[in-house]
Amino acid sequence: MKAKEFFFKAYANLPLSLRQEIIVVLDNEPLSWNAVKIEIENETSKGKAILVKLVQMRIIKEDG
C-alpha cells in the first residue's frame, strides 16, 4: 500500500468532527485533514510534499 492509500484509509476512518483539525504545517501554512485531502486528491506538488511530511512524522506509512 502506498502513502496515498494509507492517507485515504486514515481519512475515511476519521470522525467528521476531527477533519477540521490541523494535521500538518507546510511552509508556515497550517493545513487541516480536509485541505490535505484536496491537495492529495489533485496530486499537486504541495500534496506530494505533504505525503512526505506525514510519512516522516509517522502519521502514515510509506508502504507495507
C-alpha atoms as a PDB file:
ATOM      1  CA  MET A   1       0.000   0.000   0.000  1.00  0.00           C
ATOM      2  CA  LYS A   2       1.352   3.430  -0.912  1.00  0.00           C
ATOM      3  CA  ALA A   3       1.421   6.519   1.321  1.00  0.00           C
ATOM      4  CA  LYS A   4      -1.526   7.978  -0.580  1.00  0.00           C
ATOM      5  CA  GLU A   5      -3.628   4.885   0.109  1.00  0.00           C
ATOM      6  CA  PHE A   6      -2.652   4.919   3.797  1.00  0.00           C
ATOM      7  CA  PHE A   7      -3.743   8.558   3.999  1.00  0.00           C
ATOM      8  CA  PHE A   8      -7.151   7.887   2.438  1.00  0.00           C
ATOM      9  CA  LYS A   9      -7.690   4.891   4.719  1.00  0.00           C
ATOM     10  CA  ALA A  10      -6.879   7.014   7.792  1.00  0.00           C
ATOM     11  CA  TYR A  11      -9.063   9.858   6.483  1.00  0.00           C
ATOM     12  CA  ALA A  12     -12.019   7.543   5.900  1.00  0.00           C
ATOM     13  CA  ASN A  13     -11.829   6.257   9.480  1.00  0.00           C
ATOM     14  CA  LEU A  14     -11.518   9.722  10.988  1.00  0.00           C
ATOM     15  CA  PRO A  15     -14.604  11.136  12.735  1.00  0.00           C
ATOM     16  CA  LEU A  16     -16.144  14.013  10.775  1.00  0.00           C
ATOM     17  CA  SER A  17     -15.591  16.420  13.656  1.00  0.00           C
ATOM     18  CA  LEU A  18     -11.816  15.865  13.537  1.00  0.00           C
ATOM     19  CA  ARG A  19     -11.412  16.535   9.830  1.00  0.00           C
ATOM     20  CA  GLN A  20     -11.267  20.275  10.520  1.00  0.00           C
ATOM     21  CA  GLU A  21      -8.255  19.800  12.826  1.00  0.00           C
ATOM     22  CA  ILE A  22      -4.764  20.780  11.716  1.00  0.00           C
ATOM     23  CA  ILE A  23      -2.669  17.758  10.734  1.00  0.00           C
ATOM     24  CA  VAL A  24       0.425  19.389   9.237  1.00  0.00           C
ATOM     25  CA  VAL A  25       2.110  22.766   8.764  1.00  0.00           C
ATOM     26  CA  LEU A  26       3.785  23.250   5.398  1.00  0.00           C
ATOM     27  CA  ASP A  27       5.620  26.480   4.549  1.00  0.00           C
ATOM     28  CA  ASN A  28       4.145  28.144   7.668  1.00  0.00           C
ATOM     29  CA  GLU A  29       0.641  27.258   6.455  1.00  0.00           C
ATOM     30  CA  PRO A  30      -1.439  25.072   8.792  1.00  0.00           C
ATOM     31  CA  LEU A  31      -3.477  22.509   6.872  1.00  0.00           C
ATOM     32  CA  SER A  32      -6.494  20.532   8.069  1.00  0.00           C
ATOM     33  CA  TRP A  33      -7.274  16.955   7.144  1.00  0.00           C
ATOM     34  CA  ASN A  34      -9.819  18.296   4.611  1.00  0.00           C
ATOM     35  CA  ALA A  35      -7.310  20.647   2.960  1.00  0.00           C
ATOM     36  CA  VAL A  36      -4.691  17.907   2.817  1.00  0.00           C
ATOM     37  CA  LYS A  37      -7.209  15.512   1.230  1.00  0.00           C
ATOM     38  CA  ILE A  38      -7.899  18.000  -1.564  1.00  0.00           C
ATOM     39  CA  GLU A  39      -4.188  18.538  -2.240  1.00  0.00           C
ATOM     40  CA  ILE A  40      -3.502  14.793  -2.324  1.00  0.00           C
ATOM     41  CA  GLU A  41      -6.554  14.012  -4.498  1.00  0.00           C
ATOM     42  CA  ASN A  42      -5.474  16.622  -7.037  1.00  0.00           C
ATOM     43  CA  GLU A  43      -1.901  15.294  -6.991  1.00  0.00           C
ATOM     44  CA  THR A  44      -0.408  18.756  -6.557  1.00  0.00           C
ATOM     45  CA  SER A  45       3.234  19.372  -5.706  1.00  0.00           C
ATOM     46  CA  LYS A  46       2.030  20.518  -2.289  1.00  0.00           C
ATOM     47  CA  GLY A  47       0.130  17.242  -1.906  1.00  0.00           C
ATOM     48  CA  LYS A  48       3.281  15.254  -2.648  1.00  0.00           C
ATOM     49  CA  ALA A  49       5.253  17.308  -0.111  1.00  0.00           C
ATOM     50  CA  ILE A  50       2.505  16.745   2.461  1.00  0.00           C
ATOM     51  CA  LEU A  51       2.664  12.973   1.959  1.00  0.00           C
ATOM     52  CA  VAL A  52       6.424  13.030   2.513  1.00  0.00           C
ATOM     53  CA  LYS A  53       5.978  15.051   5.701  1.00  0.00           C
ATOM     54  CA  LEU A  54       3.211  12.767   7.012  1.00  0.00           C
ATOM     55  CA  VAL A  55       5.446   9.731   6.449  1.00  0.00           C
ATOM     56  CA  GLN A  56       8.341  11.478   8.229  1.00  0.00           C
ATOM     57  CA  MET A  57       6.027  12.279  11.148  1.00  0.00           C
ATOM     58  CA  ARG A  58       4.896   8.604  11.135  1.00  0.00           C
ATOM     59  CA  ILE A  59       1.249   9.586  10.791  1.00  0.00           C
ATOM     60  CA  ILE A  60       1.041   7.323   7.749  1.00  0.00           C
ATOM     61  CA  LYS A  61       3.279   4.600   6.311  1.00  0.00           C
ATOM     62  CA  GLU A  62       5.080   4.767   3.004  1.00  0.00           C
ATOM     63  CA  ASP A  63       4.499   1.125   2.130  1.00  0.00           C
ATOM     64  CA  GLY A  64       3.648  -2.121   3.786  1.00  0.00           C
END
